Amino acid sequence: MIEHNAESPPLASLLTEWAQHRAPRERAAVAALVADRELLGRDEIRTALIAKQDGRMACGWARLTQCHVLIPDLASTDTTLQEPT
C-alpha cells in the first residue's frame, strides 16, 4: 500500500508531475484520475494502479489491467435511475 507522509507532496501532485513527461493519452488519463478525487482516494485503486518507478510515483496502467478491482454499482443509489413504483 502507498503510505502518505505529512511532509511529502500529495499523491495527486506526484502523479501530475510524473505525467508531464508522458504521452498525451497518459497525461489525460492522470488528469481525469486526479480530477475525480474519489477513485484516487480508494485504497484498492491506489494499490492496483500506483507504483514507484525509478524512485517516483507513477501509474502502472498494465498493473491495473491485471487486477480485479470491484467498483460498486452507483446506479442502485441514484434515485433518478429508479423506475417509479
N, C-alpha and C. Protein backbone atom coordinates (compact mmCIF):
# COMPACT_ATOMS: atom_id res chain seq x y z
N MET A 1 0.84 -1.17 0.00
CA MET A 1 0.00 0.00 0.00
C MET A 1 0.89 1.25 0.00
N ILE A 2 0.42 2.29 -0.64
CA ILE A 2 1.15 3.55 -0.70
C ILE A 2 0.88 4.32 0.59
N GLU A 3 1.92 4.69 1.29
CA GLU A 3 1.75 5.43 2.52
C GLU A 3 1.95 6.91 2.26
N HIS A 4 1.16 7.72 2.92
CA HIS A 4 1.26 9.17 2.76
C HIS A 4 1.98 9.74 3.98
N ASN A 5 3.00 10.49 3.74
CA ASN A 5 3.75 11.16 4.78
C ASN A 5 3.29 12.61 4.80
N ALA A 6 3.05 13.15 5.99
CA ALA A 6 2.54 14.52 6.11
C ALA A 6 3.48 15.54 5.46
N GLU A 7 4.77 15.23 5.38
CA GLU A 7 5.74 16.15 4.80
C GLU A 7 5.89 15.99 3.29
N SER A 8 5.37 14.92 2.73
CA SER A 8 5.53 14.69 1.30
C SER A 8 4.37 15.33 0.53
N PRO A 9 4.60 15.64 -0.75
CA PRO A 9 3.52 16.22 -1.56
C PRO A 9 2.37 15.21 -1.71
N PRO A 10 1.16 15.69 -1.91
CA PRO A 10 0.02 14.78 -2.11
C PRO A 10 0.23 13.90 -3.34
N LEU A 11 -0.37 12.73 -3.30
CA LEU A 11 -0.23 11.78 -4.40
C LEU A 11 -0.66 12.39 -5.73
N ALA A 12 -1.72 13.17 -5.73
CA ALA A 12 -2.20 13.79 -6.97
C ALA A 12 -1.10 14.66 -7.59
N SER A 13 -0.38 15.41 -6.77
CA SER A 13 0.70 16.26 -7.27
C SER A 13 1.84 15.44 -7.84
N LEU A 14 2.17 14.35 -7.15
CA LEU A 14 3.25 13.49 -7.62
C LEU A 14 2.90 12.84 -8.97
N LEU A 15 1.66 12.40 -9.10
CA LEU A 15 1.24 11.78 -10.36
C LEU A 15 1.17 12.80 -11.49
N THR A 16 0.71 14.00 -11.18
CA THR A 16 0.64 15.05 -12.19
C THR A 16 2.04 15.41 -12.69
N GLU A 17 2.99 15.47 -11.77
CA GLU A 17 4.38 15.75 -12.15
C GLU A 17 4.92 14.64 -13.04
N TRP A 18 4.66 13.39 -12.67
CA TRP A 18 5.10 12.24 -13.47
C TRP A 18 4.50 12.29 -14.87
N ALA A 19 3.22 12.64 -14.95
CA ALA A 19 2.51 12.62 -16.23
C ALA A 19 3.01 13.68 -17.21
N GLN A 20 3.63 14.74 -16.71
CA GLN A 20 4.12 15.81 -17.59
C GLN A 20 5.09 15.29 -18.64
N HIS A 21 5.76 14.21 -18.35
CA HIS A 21 6.77 13.66 -19.26
C HIS A 21 6.27 12.43 -20.00
N ARG A 22 4.97 12.22 -20.00
CA ARG A 22 4.38 11.05 -20.64
C ARG A 22 3.63 11.46 -21.91
N ALA A 23 3.11 10.48 -22.60
CA ALA A 23 2.33 10.72 -23.82
C ALA A 23 1.04 11.47 -23.48
N PRO A 24 0.49 12.20 -24.45
CA PRO A 24 -0.75 12.95 -24.20
C PRO A 24 -1.89 12.10 -23.65
N ARG A 25 -1.99 10.88 -24.11
CA ARG A 25 -3.06 9.99 -23.63
C ARG A 25 -2.90 9.70 -22.14
N GLU A 26 -1.67 9.46 -21.70
CA GLU A 26 -1.42 9.20 -20.28
C GLU A 26 -1.64 10.45 -19.45
N ARG A 27 -1.25 11.61 -19.98
CA ARG A 27 -1.48 12.87 -19.27
C ARG A 27 -2.98 13.08 -19.06
N ALA A 28 -3.77 12.80 -20.08
CA ALA A 28 -5.22 12.96 -19.98
C ALA A 28 -5.81 11.98 -18.97
N ALA A 29 -5.32 10.76 -18.96
CA ALA A 29 -5.81 9.76 -18.01
C ALA A 29 -5.48 10.16 -16.57
N VAL A 30 -4.28 10.64 -16.34
CA VAL A 30 -3.89 11.09 -15.00
C VAL A 30 -4.71 12.31 -14.60
N ALA A 31 -4.92 13.23 -15.51
CA ALA A 31 -5.72 14.42 -15.21
C ALA A 31 -7.14 14.02 -14.80
N ALA A 32 -7.72 13.06 -15.50
CA ALA A 32 -9.07 12.60 -15.16
C ALA A 32 -9.07 11.89 -13.81
N LEU A 33 -8.07 11.09 -13.54
CA LEU A 33 -7.95 10.39 -12.27
C LEU A 33 -7.83 11.38 -11.11
N VAL A 34 -7.00 12.39 -11.28
CA VAL A 34 -6.80 13.40 -10.24
C VAL A 34 -8.07 14.23 -10.06
N ALA A 35 -8.73 14.59 -11.15
CA ALA A 35 -9.95 15.40 -11.07
C ALA A 35 -11.08 14.66 -10.39
N ASP A 36 -11.14 13.34 -10.56
CA ASP A 36 -12.21 12.54 -9.96
C ASP A 36 -12.14 12.56 -8.43
N ARG A 37 -10.97 12.50 -7.87
CA ARG A 37 -10.69 12.53 -6.43
C ARG A 37 -11.22 11.32 -5.68
N GLU A 38 -12.41 10.85 -6.00
CA GLU A 38 -12.96 9.70 -5.29
C GLU A 38 -12.17 8.43 -5.60
N LEU A 39 -11.86 8.21 -6.86
CA LEU A 39 -11.11 6.99 -7.24
C LEU A 39 -9.73 6.97 -6.61
N LEU A 40 -9.03 8.08 -6.67
CA LEU A 40 -7.68 8.14 -6.13
C LEU A 40 -7.68 7.98 -4.61
N GLY A 41 -8.79 8.27 -3.98
CA GLY A 41 -8.91 8.11 -2.54
C GLY A 41 -9.17 6.69 -2.08
N ARG A 42 -9.44 5.80 -3.02
CA ARG A 42 -9.75 4.40 -2.66
C ARG A 42 -8.48 3.57 -2.59
N ASP A 43 -8.31 2.86 -1.48
CA ASP A 43 -7.12 2.04 -1.27
C ASP A 43 -6.92 1.01 -2.37
N GLU A 44 -8.00 0.34 -2.80
CA GLU A 44 -7.85 -0.72 -3.80
C GLU A 44 -7.42 -0.17 -5.15
N ILE A 45 -7.83 1.05 -5.47
CA ILE A 45 -7.40 1.67 -6.73
C ILE A 45 -5.93 2.04 -6.64
N ARG A 46 -5.55 2.67 -5.52
CA ARG A 46 -4.13 3.04 -5.35
C ARG A 46 -3.24 1.81 -5.38
N THR A 47 -3.67 0.74 -4.73
CA THR A 47 -2.87 -0.49 -4.70
C THR A 47 -2.74 -1.09 -6.09
N ALA A 48 -3.82 -1.07 -6.87
CA ALA A 48 -3.81 -1.67 -8.20
C ALA A 48 -3.11 -0.81 -9.23
N LEU A 49 -3.12 0.49 -9.06
CA LEU A 49 -2.66 1.39 -10.11
C LEU A 49 -1.34 2.10 -9.83
N ILE A 50 -1.11 2.52 -8.60
CA ILE A 50 0.03 3.38 -8.30
C ILE A 50 1.23 2.53 -7.88
N ALA A 51 2.36 2.84 -8.48
CA ALA A 51 3.61 2.14 -8.15
C ALA A 51 4.75 3.14 -8.18
N LYS A 52 5.81 2.78 -7.50
CA LYS A 52 7.01 3.62 -7.54
C LYS A 52 7.89 3.11 -8.67
N GLN A 53 8.24 3.99 -9.59
CA GLN A 53 9.11 3.65 -10.71
C GLN A 53 10.27 4.63 -10.72
N ASP A 54 11.46 4.12 -10.67
CA ASP A 54 12.66 4.97 -10.66
C ASP A 54 12.60 6.01 -9.55
N GLY A 55 12.07 5.61 -8.39
CA GLY A 55 12.01 6.50 -7.24
C GLY A 55 10.90 7.52 -7.27
N ARG A 56 10.01 7.44 -8.27
CA ARG A 56 8.90 8.39 -8.40
C ARG A 56 7.58 7.64 -8.43
N MET A 57 6.53 8.28 -7.97
CA MET A 57 5.20 7.70 -8.05
C MET A 57 4.75 7.73 -9.50
N ALA A 58 4.15 6.64 -9.95
CA ALA A 58 3.73 6.55 -11.35
C ALA A 58 2.47 5.69 -11.45
N CYS A 59 1.79 5.82 -12.56
CA CYS A 59 0.62 4.99 -12.83
C CYS A 59 1.07 3.76 -13.61
N GLY A 60 0.81 2.61 -13.06
CA GLY A 60 1.13 1.36 -13.74
C GLY A 60 -0.11 0.83 -14.43
N TRP A 61 -0.41 1.39 -15.60
CA TRP A 61 -1.65 1.03 -16.30
C TRP A 61 -1.71 -0.46 -16.55
N ALA A 62 -0.60 -1.11 -16.88
CA ALA A 62 -0.60 -2.55 -17.13
C ALA A 62 -0.97 -3.31 -15.86
N ARG A 63 -0.52 -2.83 -14.71
CA ARG A 63 -0.87 -3.47 -13.44
C ARG A 63 -2.37 -3.43 -13.21
N LEU A 64 -3.00 -2.32 -13.57
CA LEU A 64 -4.44 -2.18 -13.37
C LEU A 64 -5.20 -3.20 -14.19
N THR A 65 -4.73 -3.49 -15.39
CA THR A 65 -5.43 -4.46 -16.23
C THR A 65 -5.28 -5.88 -15.71
N GLN A 66 -4.29 -6.12 -14.85
CA GLN A 66 -4.07 -7.45 -14.30
C GLN A 66 -4.77 -7.66 -12.96
N CYS A 67 -5.35 -6.61 -12.41
CA CYS A 67 -6.02 -6.69 -11.11
C CYS A 67 -7.52 -6.69 -11.32
N HIS A 68 -8.18 -7.30 -10.37
CA HIS A 68 -9.64 -7.28 -10.38
C HIS A 68 -10.09 -6.33 -9.28
N VAL A 69 -10.55 -5.17 -9.67
CA VAL A 69 -10.99 -4.16 -8.72
C VAL A 69 -12.50 -4.05 -8.83
N LEU A 70 -13.17 -4.24 -7.71
CA LEU A 70 -14.62 -4.13 -7.71
C LEU A 70 -15.02 -2.70 -7.42
N ILE A 71 -15.74 -2.11 -8.34
CA ILE A 71 -16.24 -0.76 -8.16
C ILE A 71 -17.74 -0.89 -7.95
N PRO A 72 -18.25 -0.36 -6.85
CA PRO A 72 -19.67 -0.56 -6.53
C PRO A 72 -20.58 0.01 -7.61
N ASP A 73 -21.74 -0.59 -7.72
CA ASP A 73 -22.75 -0.14 -8.67
C ASP A 73 -23.39 1.12 -8.10
N LEU A 74 -23.08 2.24 -8.68
CA LEU A 74 -23.61 3.51 -8.19
C LEU A 74 -25.05 3.73 -8.62
N ALA A 75 -25.49 3.00 -9.63
CA ALA A 75 -26.85 3.18 -10.14
C ALA A 75 -27.89 2.82 -9.08
N SER A 76 -27.59 1.86 -8.20
CA SER A 76 -28.58 1.43 -7.20
C SER A 76 -28.83 2.52 -6.17
N THR A 77 -27.93 3.47 -6.00
CA THR A 77 -28.15 4.56 -5.03
C THR A 77 -28.63 5.83 -5.70
N ASP A 78 -28.69 5.85 -7.02
CA ASP A 78 -29.13 7.04 -7.75
C ASP A 78 -30.63 6.95 -7.96
N THR A 79 -31.39 7.78 -7.27
CA THR A 79 -32.84 7.71 -7.34
C THR A 79 -33.39 8.15 -8.69
N THR A 80 -32.59 8.87 -9.47
CA THR A 80 -33.08 9.32 -10.78
C THR A 80 -33.15 8.17 -11.78
N LEU A 81 -32.43 7.07 -11.48
CA LEU A 81 -32.42 5.94 -12.40
C LEU A 81 -33.45 4.88 -12.04
N GLN A 82 -34.12 5.01 -10.90
CA GLN A 82 -35.08 4.00 -10.47
C GLN A 82 -36.41 4.23 -11.16
N GLU A 83 -37.06 3.11 -11.49
CA GLU A 83 -38.37 3.21 -12.11
C GLU A 83 -39.42 3.50 -11.05
N PRO A 84 -40.44 4.26 -11.40
CA PRO A 84 -41.49 4.56 -10.43
C PRO A 84 -42.22 3.28 -10.04
N THR A 85 -42.70 3.23 -8.78
CA THR A 85 -43.41 2.05 -8.30
C THR A 85 -44.91 2.25 -8.36
